[in-house]
Amino acid sequence: MVEVKNSWKEKGYVDEPVSADLDLSAEIRRMCKEKNAVVLAHYYTEGAVQDVADFVGDSLALAQWAAKTDADIIVMCGVHFMGETNKILCPDKKVLVCDLNAGCSLADSCDANDLKVFMDEHPGYKVVSYVNTTAAVKALTDVVVTSSNAKLVIDSFPEDEKLIFGPDKNLGNYINSVTGRNMLLWNGGCHVHGQFSLEGILQLKKEHPAAKVLVHPECPAPIQAIADRIGSTAGLLKFAIEDEATEFIVATESGILHQMTRSCPDKQFYPAPPETSEAIGCQCNECAFMRLNTLKKLYNTLKYEWPEIIVDEAVAEKAIKPINKMLEISKALK
């Protein structure tokens, strides 16, 4: 067992030098075979990480994959709550992440103690929590949803059921609009999806009039209003593959363009710009937390089997119930 250095603990990741001559992808695959490990990567990680992973997907697909894997070690290339979800689903497996600093602005926008106060102020309400939440928030929840299955799960409740939805207010507003519900919404949001430039997208549309606009439901209503398609990351990828259009403007984290380009090499994809694009000289919208996942960190994580995700057993025992309920509903009503 490797002793975790204090310097690693301070930085939140394994900071060990790696030879420039080393084929990181080949070594990662070798260690996966040797250690019976699987690498799961979210669509928002960099392309090199996606290419070496055993499975690439959105939050729902990654949770489903983790629930059924027979690997001894899961390395979650994404953000912290995804590692927590995997550990809750697989308590007997070692769950690793590349960098403990890979948090989530959306998860951070909903503190479990604050949610408990809100719940006490609204007795008689069921709580529906987005998967982008901490284990502690999930432990207070009746059912978890992802952007892929949110409508499906909400539709499974009786029409007169009183619901609290959080933490993403934009996704909650969207689900209210397509279900006719009037859920109470937590006032949270994603810093990436919340900063797309409406003016920038409209300018791109002028430059590429045939392009269809693909929008994630975490985006604000004005961005959703100009969409040709609103959907989860996986849903937008599926639409791009199947639709006859050859050009798309994509308003979600730009990491998905890697899979879109791989799946549709004959189509053009333009990342929707953020409000600050001119100031920073970048015409794409990236999640800084997702970009903390690198091949070097992934290699070191597998080699030293750290950082490891640990979830309090009492919290995990409560949090597993709404996650399993989501997976059961998704499977039954798909």
C-alpha atoms as a PDB file:
ATOM      1  CA  MET A   1       0.000   0.000   0.000  1.00  0.00           C
ATOM      2  CA  VAL A   2       1.464   3.355  -1.034  1.00  0.00           C
ATOM      3  CA  GLU A   3       1.783   5.902   1.754  1.00  0.00           C
ATOM      4  CA  VAL A   4       0.075   9.138   0.784  1.00  0.00           C
ATOM      5  CA  LYS A   5       2.540  12.003   0.949  1.00  0.00           C
ATOM      6  CA  ASN A   6       1.627  15.180   2.769  1.00  0.00           C
ATOM      7  CA  SER A   7       2.513  17.143  -0.363  1.00  0.00           C
ATOM      8  CA  TRP A   8      -0.066  15.142  -2.301  1.00  0.00           C
ATOM      9  CA  LYS A   9      -2.687  15.781   0.375  1.00  0.00           C
ATOM     10  CA  GLU A  10      -1.963  19.488   0.237  1.00  0.00           C
ATOM     11  CA  LYS A  11      -2.298  19.619  -3.547  1.00  0.00           C
ATOM     12  CA  GLY A  12      -5.203  17.160  -3.784  1.00  0.00           C
ATOM     13  CA  TYR A  13      -3.575  14.999  -6.439  1.00  0.00           C
ATOM     14  CA  VAL A  14      -0.506  12.813  -6.989  1.00  0.00           C
ATOM     15  CA  ASP A  15       2.261  15.172  -8.055  1.00  0.00           C
ATOM     16  CA  GLU A  16       4.985  12.818  -9.213  1.00  0.00           C
ATOM     17  CA  PRO A  17       7.216  13.359 -12.279  1.00  0.00           C
ATOM     18  CA  VAL A  18       6.531  11.267 -15.363  1.00  0.00           C
ATOM     19  CA  SER A  19       9.076  10.610 -18.086  1.00  0.00           C
ATOM     20  CA  ALA A  20       8.384  12.518 -21.291  1.00  0.00           C
ATOM     21  CA  ASP A  21       9.152   9.308 -23.210  1.00  0.00           C
ATOM     22  CA  LEU A  22       6.440   7.333 -21.466  1.00  0.00           C
ATOM     23  CA  ASP A  23       3.386   6.378 -23.524  1.00  0.00           C
ATOM     24  CA  LEU A  24       0.823   7.419 -20.939  1.00  0.00           C
ATOM     25  CA  SER A  25      -2.189   5.973 -22.771  1.00  0.00           C
ATOM     26  CA  ALA A  26      -0.500   2.582 -23.182  1.00  0.00           C
ATOM     27  CA  GLU A  27       0.603   2.539 -19.543  1.00  0.00           C
ATOM     28  CA  ILE A  28      -2.888   3.469 -18.353  1.00  0.00           C
ATOM     29  CA  ARG A  29      -4.376   0.612 -20.350  1.00  0.00           C
ATOM     30  CA  ARG A  30      -1.698  -1.773 -19.032  1.00  0.00           C
ATOM     31  CA  MET A  31      -2.403  -0.849 -15.430  1.00  0.00           C
ATOM     32  CA  CYS A  32      -6.146  -1.169 -15.956  1.00  0.00           C
ATOM     33  CA  LYS A  33      -5.644  -4.768 -17.092  1.00  0.00           C
ATOM     34  CA  GLU A  34      -3.148  -5.504 -14.331  1.00  0.00           C
ATOM     35  CA  LYS A  35      -5.288  -4.031 -11.536  1.00  0.00           C
ATOM     36  CA  ASN A  36      -8.735  -4.922 -12.897  1.00  0.00           C
ATOM     37  CA  ALA A  37      -9.556  -1.235 -13.098  1.00  0.00           C
ATOM     38  CA  VAL A  38     -11.901   0.716 -15.353  1.00  0.00           C
ATOM     39  CA  VAL A  39     -11.636   4.346 -16.369  1.00  0.00           C
ATOM     40  CA  LEU A  40     -14.898   6.248 -16.690  1.00  0.00           C
ATOM     41  CA  ALA A  41     -14.796   9.685 -18.310  1.00  0.00           C
ATOM     42  CA  HIS A  42     -17.386  12.402 -18.671  1.00  0.00           C
ATOM     43  CA  TYR A  43     -18.000  14.029 -22.049  1.00  0.00           C
ATOM     44  CA  TYR A  44     -16.645  17.294 -20.644  1.00  0.00           C
ATOM     45  CA  THR A  45     -13.107  16.044 -19.998  1.00  0.00           C
ATOM     46  CA  GLU A  46     -10.351  16.691 -22.522  1.00  0.00           C
ATOM     47  CA  GLY A  47     -10.191  14.509 -25.627  1.00  0.00           C
ATOM     48  CA  ALA A  48      -7.045  12.617 -24.623  1.00  0.00           C
ATOM     49  CA  VAL A  49      -8.733  11.441 -21.406  1.00  0.00           C
ATOM     50  CA  GLN A  50     -11.890  10.417 -23.262  1.00  0.00           C
ATOM     51  CA  ASP A  51      -9.830   8.436 -25.783  1.00  0.00           C
ATOM     52  CA  VAL A  52      -8.138   6.287 -23.129  1.00  0.00           C
ATOM     53  CA  ALA A  53     -11.292   5.627 -21.075  1.00  0.00           C
ATOM     54  CA  ASP A  54     -13.206   2.352 -20.987  1.00  0.00           C
ATOM     55  CA  PHE A  55     -16.475   4.243 -21.126  1.00  0.00           C
ATOM     56  CA  VAL A  56     -17.375   7.840 -21.938  1.00  0.00           C
ATOM     57  CA  GLY A  57     -20.798   9.239 -21.137  1.00  0.00           C
ATOM     58  CA  ASP A  58     -23.014  11.697 -19.320  1.00  0.00           C
ATOM     59  CA  SER A  59     -23.912  11.509 -15.637  1.00  0.00           C
ATOM     60  CA  LEU A  60     -26.725   8.960 -16.070  1.00  0.00           C
ATOM     61  CA  ALA A  61     -24.711   6.613 -18.267  1.00  0.00           C
ATOM     62  CA  LEU A  62     -21.691   6.813 -15.970  1.00  0.00           C
ATOM     63  CA  ALA A  63     -23.834   5.967 -12.941  1.00  0.00           C
ATOM     64  CA  GLN A  64     -25.400   3.033 -14.803  1.00  0.00           C
ATOM     65  CA  TRP A  65     -21.976   1.784 -15.877  1.00  0.00           C
ATOM     66  CA  ALA A  66     -20.549   2.056 -12.365  1.00  0.00           C
ATOM     67  CA  ALA A  67     -23.510   0.140 -10.947  1.00  0.00           C
ATOM     68  CA  LYS A  68     -22.848  -2.877 -13.143  1.00  0.00           C
ATOM     69  CA  THR A  69     -19.053  -3.064 -13.458  1.00  0.00           C
ATOM     70  CA  ASP A  70     -17.168  -6.016 -11.989  1.00  0.00           C
ATOM     71  CA  ALA A  71     -13.905  -4.090 -11.785  1.00  0.00           C
ATOM     72  CA  ASP A  72     -12.059  -3.824  -8.477  1.00  0.00           C
ATOM     73  CA  ILE A  73     -11.074  -0.192  -9.091  1.00  0.00           C
ATOM     74  CA  ILE A  74     -13.062   2.616 -10.716  1.00  0.00           C
ATOM     75  CA  VAL A  75     -11.266   5.764 -11.789  1.00  0.00           C
ATOM     76  CA  MET A  76     -13.808   8.543 -12.334  1.00  0.00           C
ATOM     77  CA  CYS A  77     -12.496  11.235 -14.671  1.00  0.00           C
ATOM     78  CA  GLY A  78     -14.984  13.978 -14.029  1.00  0.00           C
ATOM     79  CA  VAL A  79     -15.793  15.967 -10.912  1.00  0.00           C
ATOM     80  CA  HIS A  80     -16.025  15.107  -7.230  1.00  0.00           C
ATOM     81  CA  PHE A  81     -19.759  14.395  -6.966  1.00  0.00           C
ATOM     82  CA  MET A  82     -19.417  11.807  -9.749  1.00  0.00           C
ATOM     83  CA  GLY A  83     -16.790   9.973  -7.719  1.00  0.00           C
ATOM     84  CA  GLU A  84     -19.095  10.113  -4.696  1.00  0.00           C
ATOM     85  CA  THR A  85     -21.981   8.700  -6.737  1.00  0.00           C
ATOM     86  CA  ASN A  86     -19.793   5.822  -7.928  1.00  0.00           C
ATOM     87  CA  LYS A  87     -18.664   5.070  -4.381  1.00  0.00           C
ATOM     88  CA  ILE A  88     -22.237   5.107  -3.104  1.00  0.00           C
ATOM     89  CA  LEU A  89     -23.238   2.674  -5.857  1.00  0.00           C
ATOM     90  CA  CYS A  90     -20.136   0.512  -5.368  1.00  0.00           C
ATOM     91  CA  PRO A  91     -19.215   0.616  -1.656  1.00  0.00           C
ATOM     92  CA  ASP A  92     -16.989  -2.473  -1.919  1.00  0.00           C
ATOM     93  CA  LYS A  93     -14.888  -1.073  -4.772  1.00  0.00           C
ATOM     94  CA  LYS A  94     -12.015   1.374  -4.632  1.00  0.00           C
ATOM     95  CA  VAL A  95     -13.145   4.588  -6.327  1.00  0.00           C
ATOM     96  CA  LEU A  96     -10.441   7.011  -7.412  1.00  0.00           C
ATOM     97  CA  VAL A  97     -10.463  10.494  -8.925  1.00  0.00           C
ATOM     98  CA  CYS A  98      -7.630  12.345 -10.650  1.00  0.00           C
ATOM     99  CA  ASP A  99      -7.820  15.506  -8.553  1.00  0.00           C
ATOM    100  CA  LEU A 100      -9.761  16.262  -5.378  1.00  0.00           C
ATOM    101  CA  ASN A 101      -9.942  19.905  -6.484  1.00  0.00           C
ATOM    102  CA  ALA A 102     -12.272  18.970  -9.345  1.00  0.00           C
ATOM    103  CA  GLY A 103     -15.440  20.275  -7.753  1.00  0.00           C
ATOM    104  CA  CYS A 104     -18.676  21.549  -9.264  1.00  0.00           C
ATOM    105  CA  SER A 105     -20.124  25.049  -9.026  1.00  0.00           C
ATOM    106  CA  LEU A 106     -23.638  23.630  -9.261  1.00  0.00           C
ATOM    107  CA  ALA A 107     -23.113  21.156  -6.430  1.00  0.00           C
ATOM    108  CA  ASP A 108     -21.532  23.946  -4.378  1.00  0.00           C
ATOM    109  CA  SER A 109     -24.641  26.098  -4.851  1.00  0.00           C
ATOM    110  CA  CYS A 110     -26.699  23.770  -2.633  1.00  0.00           C
ATOM    111  CA  ASP A 111     -25.475  23.135   0.897  1.00  0.00           C
ATOM    112  CA  ALA A 112     -27.151  20.228   2.683  1.00  0.00           C
ATOM    113  CA  ASN A 113     -27.841  22.259   5.832  1.00  0.00           C
ATOM    114  CA  ASP A 114     -29.461  25.035   3.812  1.00  0.00           C
ATOM    115  CA  LEU A 115     -31.554  22.508   1.902  1.00  0.00           C
ATOM    116  CA  LYS A 116     -32.750  20.970   5.174  1.00  0.00           C
ATOM    117  CA  VAL A 117     -33.928  24.401   6.354  1.00  0.00           C
ATOM    118  CA  PHE A 118     -35.752  24.923   3.042  1.00  0.00           C
ATOM    119  CA  MET A 119     -37.400  21.506   3.377  1.00  0.00           C
ATOM    120  CA  ASP A 120     -38.555  22.303   6.917  1.00  0.00           C
ATOM    121  CA  GLU A 121     -40.101  25.527   5.619  1.00  0.00           C
ATOM    122  CA  HIS A 122     -42.062  23.537   3.016  1.00  0.00           C
ATOM    123  CA  PRO A 123     -43.477  20.423   4.732  1.00  0.00           C
ATOM    124  CA  GLY A 124     -45.292  17.899   2.592  1.00  0.00           C
ATOM    125  CA  TYR A 125     -42.990  18.320  -0.415  1.00  0.00           C
ATOM    126  CA  LYS A 126     -40.975  15.523  -2.022  1.00  0.00           C
ATOM    127  CA  VAL A 127     -37.406  16.494  -2.906  1.00  0.00           C
ATOM    128  CA  VAL A 128     -35.994  15.864  -6.374  1.00  0.00           C
ATOM    129  CA  SER A 129     -32.267  16.540  -6.585  1.00  0.00           C
ATOM    130  CA  TYR A 130     -30.129  16.846  -9.667  1.00  0.00           C
ATOM    131  CA  VAL A 131     -27.225  14.401  -9.730  1.00  0.00           C
ATOM    132  CA  ASN A 132     -24.879  17.418  -9.586  1.00  0.00           C
ATOM    133  CA  THR A 133     -25.094  17.462  -5.781  1.00  0.00           C
ATOM    134  CA  THR A 134     -23.068  16.242  -2.824  1.00  0.00           C
ATOM    135  CA  ALA A 135     -23.722  12.920  -1.143  1.00  0.00           C
ATOM    136  CA  ALA A 136     -25.105  14.838   1.845  1.00  0.00           C
ATOM    137  CA  VAL A 137     -27.735  16.498  -0.344  1.00  0.00           C
ATOM    138  CA  LYS A 138     -28.618  13.198  -1.985  1.00  0.00           C
ATOM    139  CA  ALA A 139     -29.158  11.766   1.495  1.00  0.00           C
ATOM    140  CA  LEU A 140     -31.983  14.296   1.996  1.00  0.00           C
ATOM    141  CA  THR A 141     -33.539  13.510  -1.371  1.00  0.00           C
ATOM    142  CA  ASP A 142     -36.471  11.345  -2.434  1.00  0.00           C
ATOM    143  CA  VAL A 143     -35.164  10.754  -5.945  1.00  0.00           C
ATOM    144  CA  VAL A 144     -32.162  11.869  -7.981  1.00  0.00           C
ATOM    145  CA  VAL A 145     -32.373  12.924 -11.633  1.00  0.00           C
ATOM    146  CA  THR A 146     -29.987  13.734 -14.462  1.00  0.00           C
ATOM    147  CA  SER A 147     -30.661  16.006 -17.419  1.00  0.00           C
ATOM    148  CA  SER A 148     -31.221  12.837 -19.476  1.00  0.00           C
ATOM    149  CA  ASN A 149     -34.052  11.483 -17.337  1.00  0.00           C
ATOM    150  CA  ALA A 150     -35.414  14.477 -15.396  1.00  0.00           C
ATOM    151  CA  LYS A 151     -38.677  14.701 -17.358  1.00  0.00           C
ATOM    152  CA  LEU A 152     -39.121  10.934 -17.191  1.00  0.00           C
ATOM    153  CA  VAL A 153     -38.687  10.876 -13.421  1.00  0.00           C
ATOM    154  CA  ILE A 154     -40.891  13.920 -12.790  1.00  0.00           C
ATOM    155  CA  ASP A 155     -43.634  12.418 -14.955  1.00  0.00           C
ATOM    156  CA  SER A 156     -43.589   9.341 -12.699  1.00  0.00           C
ATOM    157  CA  PHE A 157     -44.998  11.409  -9.803  1.00  0.00           C
ATOM    158  CA  PRO A 158     -48.745  12.030  -9.464  1.00  0.00           C
ATOM    159  CA  GLU A 159     -49.770  15.312 -11.102  1.00  0.00           C
ATOM    160  CA  ASP A 160     -50.742  16.849  -7.770  1.00  0.00           C
ATOM    161  CA  GLU A 161     -47.512  15.850  -5.983  1.00  0.00           C
ATOM    162  CA  LYS A 162     -45.780  18.823  -4.355  1.00  0.00           C
ATOM    163  CA  LEU A 163     -42.136  18.840  -5.419  1.00  0.00           C
ATOM    164  CA  ILE A 164     -38.968  20.731  -4.555  1.00  0.00           C
ATOM    165  CA  PHE A 165     -36.403  20.637  -7.369  1.00  0.00           C
ATOM    166  CA  GLY A 166     -32.781  21.622  -7.010  1.00  0.00           C
ATOM    167  CA  PRO A 167     -30.253  22.863  -7.324  1.00  0.00           C
ATOM    168  CA  ASP A 168     -30.316  23.959 -11.006  1.00  0.00           C
ATOM    169  CA  LYS A 169     -33.037  26.574 -11.508  1.00  0.00           C
ATOM    170  CA  ASN A 170     -32.638  26.611 -15.303  1.00  0.00           C
ATOM    171  CA  LEU A 171     -33.150  22.870 -15.611  1.00  0.00           C
ATOM    172  CA  GLY A 172     -36.020  23.122 -13.132  1.00  0.00           C
ATOM    173  CA  ASN A 173     -37.701  25.878 -15.155  1.00  0.00           C
ATOM    174  CA  TYR A 174     -37.289  23.807 -18.301  1.00  0.00           C
ATOM    175  CA  ILE A 175     -38.810  20.704 -16.694  1.00  0.00           C
ATOM    176  CA  ASN A 176     -41.693  22.803 -15.370  1.00  0.00           C
ATOM    177  CA  SER A 177     -42.319  24.102 -18.895  1.00  0.00           C
ATOM    178  CA  VAL A 178     -42.395  20.668 -20.546  1.00  0.00           C
ATOM    179  CA  THR A 179     -44.381  18.893 -17.814  1.00  0.00           C
ATOM    180  CA  GLY A 180     -46.824  21.621 -16.774  1.00  0.00           C
ATOM    181  CA  ARG A 181     -45.602  21.322 -13.189  1.00  0.00           C
ATOM    182  CA  ASN A 182     -45.019  24.116 -10.725  1.00  0.00           C
ATOM    183  CA  MET A 183     -42.126  22.700  -8.732  1.00  0.00           C
ATOM    184  CA  LEU A 184     -40.458  24.861  -6.114  1.00  0.00           C
ATOM    185  CA  LEU A 185     -36.983  25.596  -7.464  1.00  0.00           C
ATOM    186  CA  TRP A 186     -33.721  25.953  -5.599  1.00  0.00           C
ATOM    187  CA  ASN A 187     -31.815  29.009  -6.812  1.00  0.00           C
ATOM    188  CA  GLY A 188     -28.640  27.294  -8.043  1.00  0.00           C
ATOM    189  CA  GLY A 189     -26.824  27.150 -11.346  1.00  0.00           C
ATOM    190  CA  CYS A 190     -23.811  25.987 -13.341  1.00  0.00           C
ATOM    191  CA  HIS A 191     -21.159  28.629 -13.954  1.00  0.00           C
ATOM    192  CA  VAL A 192     -20.374  27.171 -17.395  1.00  0.00           C
ATOM    193  CA  HIS A 193     -23.904  26.901 -18.749  1.00  0.00           C
ATOM    194  CA  GLY A 194     -24.886  30.192 -17.157  1.00  0.00           C
ATOM    195  CA  GLN A 195     -22.387  32.306 -19.042  1.00  0.00           C
ATOM    196  CA  PHE A 196     -23.136  31.657 -22.714  1.00  0.00           C
ATOM    197  CA  SER A 197     -23.463  34.805 -24.794  1.00  0.00           C
ATOM    198  CA  LEU A 198     -26.833  35.171 -26.501  1.00  0.00           C
ATOM    199  CA  GLU A 199     -25.371  37.864 -28.755  1.00  0.00           C
ATOM    200  CA  GLY A 200     -22.408  35.630 -29.584  1.00  0.00           C
ATOM    201  CA  ILE A 201     -24.631  32.703 -30.514  1.00  0.00           C
ATOM    202  CA  LEU A 202     -26.833  34.905 -32.703  1.00  0.00           C
ATOM    203  CA  GLN A 203     -23.708  36.205 -34.442  1.00  0.00           C
ATOM    204  CA  LEU A 204     -22.561  32.626 -35.073  1.00  0.00           C
ATOM    205  CA  LYS A 205     -26.006  31.895 -36.482  1.00  0.00           C
ATOM    206  CA  LYS A 206     -25.620  34.812 -38.912  1.00  0.00           C
ATOM    207  CA  GLU A 207     -22.261  33.443 -40.018  1.00  0.00           C
ATOM    208  CA  HIS A 208     -23.638  29.904 -40.338  1.00  0.00           C
ATOM    209  CA  PRO A 209     -27.355  30.286 -41.122  1.00  0.00           C
ATOM    210  CA  ALA A 210     -27.833  26.571 -41.838  1.00  0.00           C
ATOM    211  CA  ALA A 211     -26.432  25.551 -38.444  1.00  0.00           C
ATOM    212  CA  LYS A 212     -28.827  24.164 -35.860  1.00  0.00           C
ATOM    213  CA  VAL A 213     -28.474  25.399 -32.284  1.00  0.00           C
ATOM    214  CA  LEU A 214     -28.088  22.676 -29.646  1.00  0.00           C
ATOM    215  CA  VAL A 215     -28.667  23.786 -26.043  1.00  0.00           C
ATOM    216  CA  HIS A 216     -28.290  22.085 -22.677  1.00  0.00           C
ATOM    217  CA  PRO A 217     -31.235  22.691 -20.281  1.00  0.00           C
ATOM    218  CA  GLU A 218     -28.848  24.093 -17.653  1.00  0.00           C
ATOM    219  CA  CYS A 219     -28.590  27.176 -19.882  1.00  0.00           C
ATOM    220  CA  PRO A 220     -30.763  30.238 -19.095  1.00  0.00           C
ATOM    221  CA  ALA A 221     -34.172  30.641 -20.757  1.00  0.00           C
ATOM    222  CA  PRO A 222     -33.034  33.202 -23.404  1.00  0.00           C
ATOM    223  CA  ILE A 223     -30.475  30.683 -24.698  1.00  0.00           C
ATOM    224  CA  GLN A 224     -33.048  27.882 -24.634  1.00  0.00           C
ATOM    225  CA  ALA A 225     -35.471  30.095 -26.588  1.00  0.00           C
ATOM    226  CA  ILE A 226     -33.256  30.126 -29.695  1.00  0.00           C
ATOM    227  CA  ALA A 227     -32.533  26.383 -29.612  1.00  0.00           C
ATOM    228  CA  ASP A 228     -33.407  23.947 -32.353  1.00  0.00           C
ATOM    229  CA  ARG A 229     -32.893  21.194 -29.812  1.00  0.00           C
ATOM    230  CA  ILE A 230     -32.731  21.222 -26.007  1.00  0.00           C
ATOM    231  CA  GLY A 231     -31.310  18.122 -24.389  1.00  0.00           C
ATOM    232  CA  SER A 232     -28.791  16.445 -22.149  1.00  0.00           C
ATOM    233  CA  THR A 233     -25.227  16.092 -23.331  1.00  0.00           C
ATOM    234  CA  ALA A 234     -25.916  12.546 -24.520  1.00  0.00           C
ATOM    235  CA  GLY A 235     -29.177  13.680 -26.100  1.00  0.00           C
ATOM    236  CA  LEU A 236     -27.473  16.465 -28.031  1.00  0.00           C
ATOM    237  CA  LEU A 237     -24.815  14.041 -29.271  1.00  0.00           C
ATOM    238  CA  LYS A 238     -27.504  11.611 -30.440  1.00  0.00           C
ATOM    239  CA  PHE A 239     -29.381  14.405 -32.214  1.00  0.00           C
ATOM    240  CA  ALA A 240     -26.233  15.582 -33.984  1.00  0.00           C
ATOM    241  CA  ILE A 241     -25.521  12.056 -35.206  1.00  0.00           C
ATOM    242  CA  GLU A 242     -29.053  11.374 -36.446  1.00  0.00           C
ATOM    243  CA  ASP A 243     -30.118  14.783 -37.793  1.00  0.00           C
ATOM    244  CA  GLU A 244     -29.661  15.621 -41.458  1.00  0.00           C
ATOM    245  CA  ALA A 245     -28.091  19.010 -40.704  1.00  0.00           C
ATOM    246  CA  THR A 246     -24.351  19.280 -41.290  1.00  0.00           C
ATOM    247  CA  GLU A 247     -23.605  22.279 -39.068  1.00  0.00           C
ATOM    248  CA  PHE A 248     -24.333  22.791 -35.392  1.00  0.00           C
ATOM    249  CA  ILE A 249     -23.786  25.512 -32.797  1.00  0.00           C
ATOM    250  CA  VAL A 250     -23.322  23.765 -29.470  1.00  0.00           C
ATOM    251  CA  ALA A 251     -24.249  25.499 -26.191  1.00  0.00           C
ATOM    252  CA  THR A 252     -22.838  23.159 -23.603  1.00  0.00           C
ATOM    253  CA  GLU A 253     -19.355  22.464 -22.246  1.00  0.00           C
ATOM    254  CA  SER A 254     -17.036  22.243 -25.247  1.00  0.00           C
ATOM    255  CA  GLY A 255     -15.586  18.838 -24.316  1.00  0.00           C
ATOM    256  CA  ILE A 256     -18.565  17.200 -26.035  1.00  0.00           C
ATOM    257  CA  LEU A 257     -17.304  18.469 -29.393  1.00  0.00           C
ATOM    258  CA  HIS A 258     -14.617  15.783 -29.257  1.00  0.00           C
ATOM    259  CA  GLN A 259     -17.219  13.004 -29.365  1.00  0.00           C
ATOM    260  CA  MET A 260     -19.391  14.894 -31.839  1.00  0.00           C
ATOM    261  CA  THR A 261     -16.487  15.307 -34.250  1.00  0.00           C
ATOM    262  CA  ARG A 262     -15.443  11.669 -33.829  1.00  0.00           C
ATOM    263  CA  SER A 263     -18.992  10.447 -34.430  1.00  0.00           C
ATOM    264  CA  CYS A 264     -19.714  12.839 -37.308  1.00  0.00           C
ATOM    265  CA  PRO A 265     -16.439  13.649 -39.102  1.00  0.00           C
ATOM    266  CA  ASP A 266     -18.328  15.043 -42.077  1.00  0.00           C
ATOM    267  CA  LYS A 267     -20.200  17.624 -39.957  1.00  0.00           C
ATOM    268  CA  GLN A 268     -19.101  20.960 -38.507  1.00  0.00           C
ATOM    269  CA  PHE A 269     -19.522  21.902 -34.856  1.00  0.00           C
ATOM    270  CA  TYR A 270     -19.101  25.413 -33.476  1.00  0.00           C
ATOM    271  CA  PRO A 271     -18.800  25.950 -29.701  1.00  0.00           C
ATOM    272  CA  ALA A 272     -21.155  28.626 -28.433  1.00  0.00           C
ATOM    273  CA  PRO A 273     -19.037  31.437 -26.941  1.00  0.00           C
ATOM    274  CA  PRO A 274     -19.219  32.653 -23.349  1.00  0.00           C
ATOM    275  CA  GLU A 275     -19.808  36.281 -22.457  1.00  0.00           C
ATOM    276  CA  THR A 276     -16.116  36.739 -21.683  1.00  0.00           C
ATOM    277  CA  SER A 277     -14.773  35.142 -24.872  1.00  0.00           C
ATOM    278  CA  GLU A 278     -13.392  38.348 -26.393  1.00  0.00           C
ATOM    279  CA  ALA A 279     -11.678  39.340 -23.166  1.00  0.00           C
ATOM    280  CA  ILE A 280      -9.920  36.005 -22.702  1.00  0.00           C
ATOM    281  CA  GLY A 281      -9.334  35.283 -26.379  1.00  0.00           C
ATOM    282  CA  CYS A 282     -11.271  32.004 -26.317  1.00  0.00           C
ATOM    283  CA  GLN A 283     -14.336  31.178 -28.391  1.00  0.00           C
ATOM    284  CA  CYS A 284     -15.323  28.132 -26.340  1.00  0.00           C
ATOM    285  CA  ASN A 285     -16.802  27.491 -22.917  1.00  0.00           C
ATOM    286  CA  GLU A 286     -14.797  25.099 -20.765  1.00  0.00           C
ATOM    287  CA  CYS A 287     -15.259  23.828 -17.216  1.00  0.00           C
ATOM    288  CA  ALA A 288     -12.032  24.503 -15.350  1.00  0.00           C
ATOM    289  CA  PHE A 289     -12.873  21.691 -12.924  1.00  0.00           C
ATOM    290  CA  MET A 290     -13.215  19.108 -15.714  1.00  0.00           C
ATOM    291  CA  ARG A 291      -9.912  20.272 -17.185  1.00  0.00           C
ATOM    292  CA  LEU A 292      -8.152  19.230 -13.970  1.00  0.00           C
ATOM    293  CA  ASN A 293      -8.394  15.676 -15.333  1.00  0.00           C
ATOM    294  CA  THR A 294      -5.245  15.044 -17.378  1.00  0.00           C
ATOM    295  CA  LEU A 295      -3.477  11.968 -18.724  1.00  0.00           C
ATOM    296  CA  LYS A 296      -0.558  12.527 -16.340  1.00  0.00           C
ATOM    297  CA  LYS A 297      -2.838  12.734 -13.311  1.00  0.00           C
ATOM    298  CA  LEU A 298      -4.796   9.704 -14.506  1.00  0.00           C
ATOM    299  CA  TYR A 299      -1.573   7.725 -14.883  1.00  0.00           C
ATOM    300  CA  ASN A 300      -0.381   8.688 -11.388  1.00  0.00           C
ATOM    301  CA  THR A 301      -3.803   8.030  -9.886  1.00  0.00           C
ATOM    302  CA  LEU A 302      -3.790   4.477 -11.228  1.00  0.00           C
ATOM    303  CA  LYS A 303      -0.161   3.909 -10.294  1.00  0.00           C
ATOM    304  CA  TYR A 304      -0.478   5.074  -6.690  1.00  0.00           C
ATOM    305  CA  GLU A 305      -4.222   4.378  -6.258  1.00  0.00           C
ATOM    306  CA  TRP A 306      -4.918   7.815  -4.818  1.00  0.00           C
ATOM    307  CA  PRO A 307      -6.893  10.115  -4.402  1.00  0.00           C
ATOM    308  CA  GLU A 308      -9.565   7.735  -3.132  1.00  0.00           C
ATOM    309  CA  ILE A 309     -13.179   8.772  -2.577  1.00  0.00           C
ATOM    310  CA  ILE A 310     -14.558   7.932   0.866  1.00  0.00           C
ATOM    311  CA  VAL A 311     -18.222   8.524   1.722  1.00  0.00           C
ATOM    312  CA  ASP A 312     -19.527   8.362   5.277  1.00  0.00           C
ATOM    313  CA  GLU A 313     -21.420   5.085   5.653  1.00  0.00           C
ATOM    314  CA  ALA A 314     -24.480   6.653   7.270  1.00  0.00           C
ATOM    315  CA  VAL A 315     -24.706   9.253   4.493  1.00  0.00           C
ATOM    316  CA  ALA A 316     -24.153   6.624   1.808  1.00  0.00           C
ATOM    317  CA  GLU A 317     -26.885   4.401   3.257  1.00  0.00           C
ATOM    318  CA  LYS A 318     -29.401   7.226   2.815  1.00  0.00           C
ATOM    319  CA  ALA A 319     -28.023   8.531  -0.493  1.00  0.00           C
ATOM    320  CA  ILE A 320     -28.150   5.165  -2.263  1.00  0.00           C
ATOM    321  CA  LYS A 321     -31.950   5.053  -2.025  1.00  0.00           C
ATOM    322  CA  PRO A 322     -32.763   8.057  -4.277  1.00  0.00           C
ATOM    323  CA  ILE A 323     -30.021   7.039  -6.723  1.00  0.00           C
ATOM    324  CA  ASN A 324     -31.398   3.501  -7.016  1.00  0.00           C
ATOM    325  CA  LYS A 325     -34.899   4.898  -7.380  1.00  0.00           C
ATOM    326  CA  MET A 326     -33.708   6.993 -10.330  1.00  0.00           C
ATOM    327  CA  LEU A 327     -32.047   3.994 -11.967  1.00  0.00           C
ATOM    328  CA  GLU A 328     -35.152   1.851 -11.423  1.00  0.00           C
ATOM    329  CA  ILE A 329     -37.489   4.472 -12.892  1.00  0.00           C
ATOM    330  CA  SER A 330     -35.189   5.053 -15.858  1.00  0.00           C
ATOM    331  CA  LYS A 331     -35.020   1.326 -16.562  1.00  0.00           C
ATOM    332  CA  ALA A 332     -38.736   0.695 -16.118  1.00  0.00           C
ATOM    333  CA  LEU A 333     -40.014   3.663 -18.144  1.00  0.00           C
ATOM    334  CA  LYS A 334     -37.329   3.890 -20.813  1.00  0.00           C
END
